Amino acid sequence: MAKLNPYLNFDGTAEQAFTFYKSVFGGEFVGEIHKMGNAPGTENLSDEEKNRVMHIALPIGNDLLMASDIVPSFGQNLTVGNNNYVSVFPDSREDADRIFKGLSEGGNIEMPLEDQFWGDYFGSFQDKFGVHWMINYNEEYTK
């Protein structure tokens, strides 16, 4: 079966965001943090754009959260929207609390983390980098 991994784009804050995510989830980045300036054909980029992230990956459980920065001089624009969420299924209610509290710090909570009518412990928010997250715990999912 194919595997899906979320891929996020940032406007110059990918490394900062992933350092923050690493502080919440733990673990180590997979491989190095690849910078735009190391890619062929980027010699004419500004120093700021050369320092942008071309690729970064953080394992979370059996999945990878990956990202890169846009490059404005390539005509790329970032529009932060609510059409994408990263949905996290923690192993325990306590881990759900820890992740929700950590990632939502400095962000905007859409739905507080609490027991929901459908039986799950669920909450959602936009973090301080504009990424939308859902934290969803149900004991049945961990069996």
C-alpha atoms as a PDB file:
ATOM      1  CA  MET A   1       0.000   0.000   0.000  1.00  0.00           C
ATOM      2  CA  ALA A   2       1.198   3.500  -0.793  1.00  0.00           C
ATOM      3  CA  LYS A   3       2.178   5.761   2.096  1.00  0.00           C
ATOM      4  CA  LEU A   4       1.156   9.401   2.411  1.00  0.00           C
ATOM      5  CA  ASN A   5       3.269  12.012   4.167  1.00  0.00           C
ATOM      6  CA  PRO A   6       2.234  15.654   4.628  1.00  0.00           C
ATOM      7  CA  TYR A   7       4.434  18.216   2.888  1.00  0.00           C
ATOM      8  CA  LEU A   8       4.325  21.843   4.001  1.00  0.00           C
ATOM      9  CA  ASN A   9       5.546  25.039   2.352  1.00  0.00           C
ATOM     10  CA  PHE A  10       6.794  28.104   4.201  1.00  0.00           C
ATOM     11  CA  ASP A  11       7.952  31.589   3.239  1.00  0.00           C
ATOM     12  CA  GLY A  12      11.434  31.516   4.746  1.00  0.00           C
ATOM     13  CA  THR A  13      10.480  29.935   8.107  1.00  0.00           C
ATOM     14  CA  ALA A  14      10.673  26.184   7.354  1.00  0.00           C
ATOM     15  CA  GLU A  15      13.782  25.597   9.464  1.00  0.00           C
ATOM     16  CA  GLN A  16      12.408  27.641  12.370  1.00  0.00           C
ATOM     17  CA  ALA A  17       9.045  25.830  12.172  1.00  0.00           C
ATOM     18  CA  PHE A  18      10.643  22.387  12.045  1.00  0.00           C
ATOM     19  CA  THR A  19      12.962  23.178  14.943  1.00  0.00           C
ATOM     20  CA  PHE A  20       9.802  24.069  16.871  1.00  0.00           C
ATOM     21  CA  TYR A  21       8.011  20.865  15.756  1.00  0.00           C
ATOM     22  CA  LYS A  22      11.074  18.843  16.753  1.00  0.00           C
ATOM     23  CA  SER A  23      10.914  20.405  20.228  1.00  0.00           C
ATOM     24  CA  VAL A  24       7.335  19.121  20.583  1.00  0.00           C
ATOM     25  CA  PHE A  25       7.581  15.698  18.912  1.00  0.00           C
ATOM     26  CA  GLY A  26      11.231  14.881  19.616  1.00  0.00           C
ATOM     27  CA  GLY A  27      13.381  12.836  17.263  1.00  0.00           C
ATOM     28  CA  GLU A  28      15.983  13.898  14.749  1.00  0.00           C
ATOM     29  CA  PHE A  29      15.688  15.235  11.217  1.00  0.00           C
ATOM     30  CA  VAL A  30      16.053  12.665   8.463  1.00  0.00           C
ATOM     31  CA  GLY A  31      19.240  13.565   6.640  1.00  0.00           C
ATOM     32  CA  GLU A  32      20.508  17.093   6.555  1.00  0.00           C
ATOM     33  CA  ILE A  33      18.586  20.309   6.137  1.00  0.00           C
ATOM     34  CA  HIS A  34      19.031  20.952   2.412  1.00  0.00           C
ATOM     35  CA  LYS A  35      19.364  24.621   1.489  1.00  0.00           C
ATOM     36  CA  MET A  36      18.416  26.253  -1.812  1.00  0.00           C
ATOM     37  CA  GLY A  37      21.954  27.575  -2.293  1.00  0.00           C
ATOM     38  CA  ASN A  38      23.292  24.016  -2.595  1.00  0.00           C
ATOM     39  CA  ALA A  39      21.166  23.225  -5.650  1.00  0.00           C
ATOM     40  CA  PRO A  40      22.449  23.677  -9.203  1.00  0.00           C
ATOM     41  CA  GLY A  41      21.218  26.824 -10.912  1.00  0.00           C
ATOM     42  CA  THR A  42      20.825  28.873  -7.742  1.00  0.00           C
ATOM     43  CA  GLU A  43      24.002  30.915  -8.062  1.00  0.00           C
ATOM     44  CA  ASN A  44      22.069  34.135  -8.775  1.00  0.00           C
ATOM     45  CA  LEU A  45      19.776  33.883  -5.749  1.00  0.00           C
ATOM     46  CA  SER A  46      20.145  36.443  -2.984  1.00  0.00           C
ATOM     47  CA  ASP A  47      21.934  35.264   0.151  1.00  0.00           C
ATOM     48  CA  GLU A  48      18.560  35.205   1.944  1.00  0.00           C
ATOM     49  CA  GLU A  49      17.021  32.922  -0.703  1.00  0.00           C
ATOM     50  CA  LYS A  50      20.126  30.706  -0.819  1.00  0.00           C
ATOM     51  CA  ASN A  51      19.632  30.116   2.916  1.00  0.00           C
ATOM     52  CA  ARG A  52      16.010  29.007   2.473  1.00  0.00           C
ATOM     53  CA  VAL A  53      15.172  25.340   2.999  1.00  0.00           C
ATOM     54  CA  MET A  54      14.913  23.185  -0.108  1.00  0.00           C
ATOM     55  CA  HIS A  55      13.918  20.110   1.933  1.00  0.00           C
ATOM     56  CA  ILE A  56      13.563  19.087   5.573  1.00  0.00           C
ATOM     57  CA  ALA A  57      11.966  15.972   7.082  1.00  0.00           C
ATOM     58  CA  LEU A  58      11.029  15.041  10.649  1.00  0.00           C
ATOM     59  CA  PRO A  59       9.842  11.534  11.531  1.00  0.00           C
ATOM     60  CA  ILE A  60       6.715  11.448  13.684  1.00  0.00           C
ATOM     61  CA  GLY A  61       5.853   7.883  14.597  1.00  0.00           C
ATOM     62  CA  ASN A  62       5.991   5.865  11.363  1.00  0.00           C
ATOM     63  CA  ASP A  63       5.375   8.936   9.206  1.00  0.00           C
ATOM     64  CA  LEU A  64       7.415  11.844   7.886  1.00  0.00           C
ATOM     65  CA  LEU A  65       6.459  15.488   8.109  1.00  0.00           C
ATOM     66  CA  MET A  66       8.309  17.261   5.307  1.00  0.00           C
ATOM     67  CA  ALA A  67       8.646  20.839   4.101  1.00  0.00           C
ATOM     68  CA  SER A  68      10.437  23.444   2.062  1.00  0.00           C
ATOM     69  CA  ASP A  69      10.479  27.216   1.664  1.00  0.00           C
ATOM     70  CA  ILE A  70       9.161  28.984  -1.407  1.00  0.00           C
ATOM     71  CA  VAL A  71      11.577  31.035  -3.518  1.00  0.00           C
ATOM     72  CA  PRO A  72       9.985  34.388  -4.402  1.00  0.00           C
ATOM     73  CA  SER A  73      12.485  35.149  -7.197  1.00  0.00           C
ATOM     74  CA  PHE A  74      11.295  31.917  -8.904  1.00  0.00           C
ATOM     75  CA  GLY A  75       7.799  33.444  -8.960  1.00  0.00           C
ATOM     76  CA  GLN A  76       6.571  31.335  -6.041  1.00  0.00           C
ATOM     77  CA  ASN A  77       4.045  32.800  -3.625  1.00  0.00           C
ATOM     78  CA  LEU A  78       2.739  31.339  -0.404  1.00  0.00           C
ATOM     79  CA  THR A  79      -0.915  31.683   0.484  1.00  0.00           C
ATOM     80  CA  VAL A  80      -1.654  30.426   3.976  1.00  0.00           C
ATOM     81  CA  GLY A  81      -5.101  28.854   3.974  1.00  0.00           C
ATOM     82  CA  ASN A  82      -7.311  26.495   5.858  1.00  0.00           C
ATOM     83  CA  ASN A  83      -7.533  23.872   3.128  1.00  0.00           C
ATOM     84  CA  ASN A  84      -4.883  21.595   4.673  1.00  0.00           C
ATOM     85  CA  TYR A  85      -4.473  20.108   8.132  1.00  0.00           C
ATOM     86  CA  VAL A  86      -1.908  17.812   9.641  1.00  0.00           C
ATOM     87  CA  SER A  87      -3.902  15.295  11.674  1.00  0.00           C
ATOM     88  CA  VAL A  88      -1.994  13.692  14.562  1.00  0.00           C
ATOM     89  CA  PHE A  89      -3.196  10.538  16.345  1.00  0.00           C
ATOM     90  CA  PRO A  90      -1.281  10.314  19.645  1.00  0.00           C
ATOM     91  CA  ASP A  91      -0.882   7.083  21.637  1.00  0.00           C
ATOM     92  CA  SER A  92      -2.441   8.459  24.822  1.00  0.00           C
ATOM     93  CA  ARG A  93      -4.673  11.215  26.129  1.00  0.00           C
ATOM     94  CA  GLU A  94      -1.672  12.654  27.982  1.00  0.00           C
ATOM     95  CA  ASP A  95       0.371  12.764  24.770  1.00  0.00           C
ATOM     96  CA  ALA A  96      -2.569  14.468  23.027  1.00  0.00           C
ATOM     97  CA  ASP A  97      -2.553  17.135  25.758  1.00  0.00           C
ATOM     98  CA  ARG A  98       1.226  17.615  25.480  1.00  0.00           C
ATOM     99  CA  ILE A  99       1.222  17.893  21.673  1.00  0.00           C
ATOM    100  CA  PHE A 100      -1.814  20.191  21.576  1.00  0.00           C
ATOM    101  CA  LYS A 101      -0.362  22.494  24.233  1.00  0.00           C
ATOM    102  CA  GLY A 102       3.077  22.567  22.610  1.00  0.00           C
ATOM    103  CA  LEU A 103       2.047  23.138  19.010  1.00  0.00           C
ATOM    104  CA  SER A 104      -0.776  25.598  19.708  1.00  0.00           C
ATOM    105  CA  GLU A 105       1.457  27.908  21.772  1.00  0.00           C
ATOM    106  CA  GLY A 106       1.404  31.290  20.063  1.00  0.00           C
ATOM    107  CA  GLY A 107      -1.215  30.102  17.560  1.00  0.00           C
ATOM    108  CA  ASN A 108      -5.001  30.300  17.277  1.00  0.00           C
ATOM    109  CA  ILE A 109      -7.164  27.562  18.762  1.00  0.00           C
ATOM    110  CA  GLU A 110     -10.161  26.720  16.581  1.00  0.00           C
ATOM    111  CA  MET A 111     -11.589  23.948  18.737  1.00  0.00           C
ATOM    112  CA  PRO A 112     -10.289  23.288  22.267  1.00  0.00           C
ATOM    113  CA  LEU A 113      -8.982  19.797  22.982  1.00  0.00           C
ATOM    114  CA  GLU A 114     -11.876  18.057  24.719  1.00  0.00           C
ATOM    115  CA  ASP A 115     -14.157  15.041  24.572  1.00  0.00           C
ATOM    116  CA  GLN A 116     -16.392  15.300  21.521  1.00  0.00           C
ATOM    117  CA  PHE A 117     -19.903  14.020  20.879  1.00  0.00           C
ATOM    118  CA  TRP A 118     -18.568  11.417  18.424  1.00  0.00           C
ATOM    119  CA  GLY A 119     -16.458   9.821  21.157  1.00  0.00           C
ATOM    120  CA  ASP A 120     -12.970  11.169  20.413  1.00  0.00           C
ATOM    121  CA  TYR A 121     -10.746  13.516  22.384  1.00  0.00           C
ATOM    122  CA  PHE A 122     -10.206  16.149  19.699  1.00  0.00           C
ATOM    123  CA  GLY A 123      -9.036  19.697  19.115  1.00  0.00           C
ATOM    124  CA  SER A 124      -7.807  21.826  16.232  1.00  0.00           C
ATOM    125  CA  PHE A 125      -5.765  24.994  15.819  1.00  0.00           C
ATOM    126  CA  GLN A 126      -3.521  27.022  13.557  1.00  0.00           C
ATOM    127  CA  ASP A 127       0.048  27.184  14.855  1.00  0.00           C
ATOM    128  CA  LYS A 128       2.180  30.330  14.949  1.00  0.00           C
ATOM    129  CA  PHE A 129       3.530  29.487  11.474  1.00  0.00           C
ATOM    130  CA  GLY A 130       0.055  29.297   9.889  1.00  0.00           C
ATOM    131  CA  VAL A 131      -0.092  25.481   9.723  1.00  0.00           C
ATOM    132  CA  HIS A 132      -3.428  23.904  10.666  1.00  0.00           C
ATOM    133  CA  TRP A 133      -3.346  20.900  13.006  1.00  0.00           C
ATOM    134  CA  MET A 134      -5.899  18.395  14.323  1.00  0.00           C
ATOM    135  CA  ILE A 135      -5.103  16.361  17.433  1.00  0.00           C
ATOM    136  CA  ASN A 136      -7.336  13.301  17.687  1.00  0.00           C
ATOM    137  CA  TYR A 137      -7.163  10.625  20.393  1.00  0.00           C
ATOM    138  CA  ASN A 138      -9.436   7.620  20.636  1.00  0.00           C
ATOM    139  CA  GLU A 139      -8.375   4.616  22.698  1.00  0.00           C
ATOM    140  CA  GLU A 140      -9.837   2.312  20.042  1.00  0.00           C
ATOM    141  CA  TYR A 141      -7.338   3.610  17.462  1.00  0.00           C
ATOM    142  CA  THR A 142      -4.372   2.545  19.601  1.00  0.00           C
ATOM    143  CA  LYS A 143      -5.396  -1.120  19.863  1.00  0.00           C
END
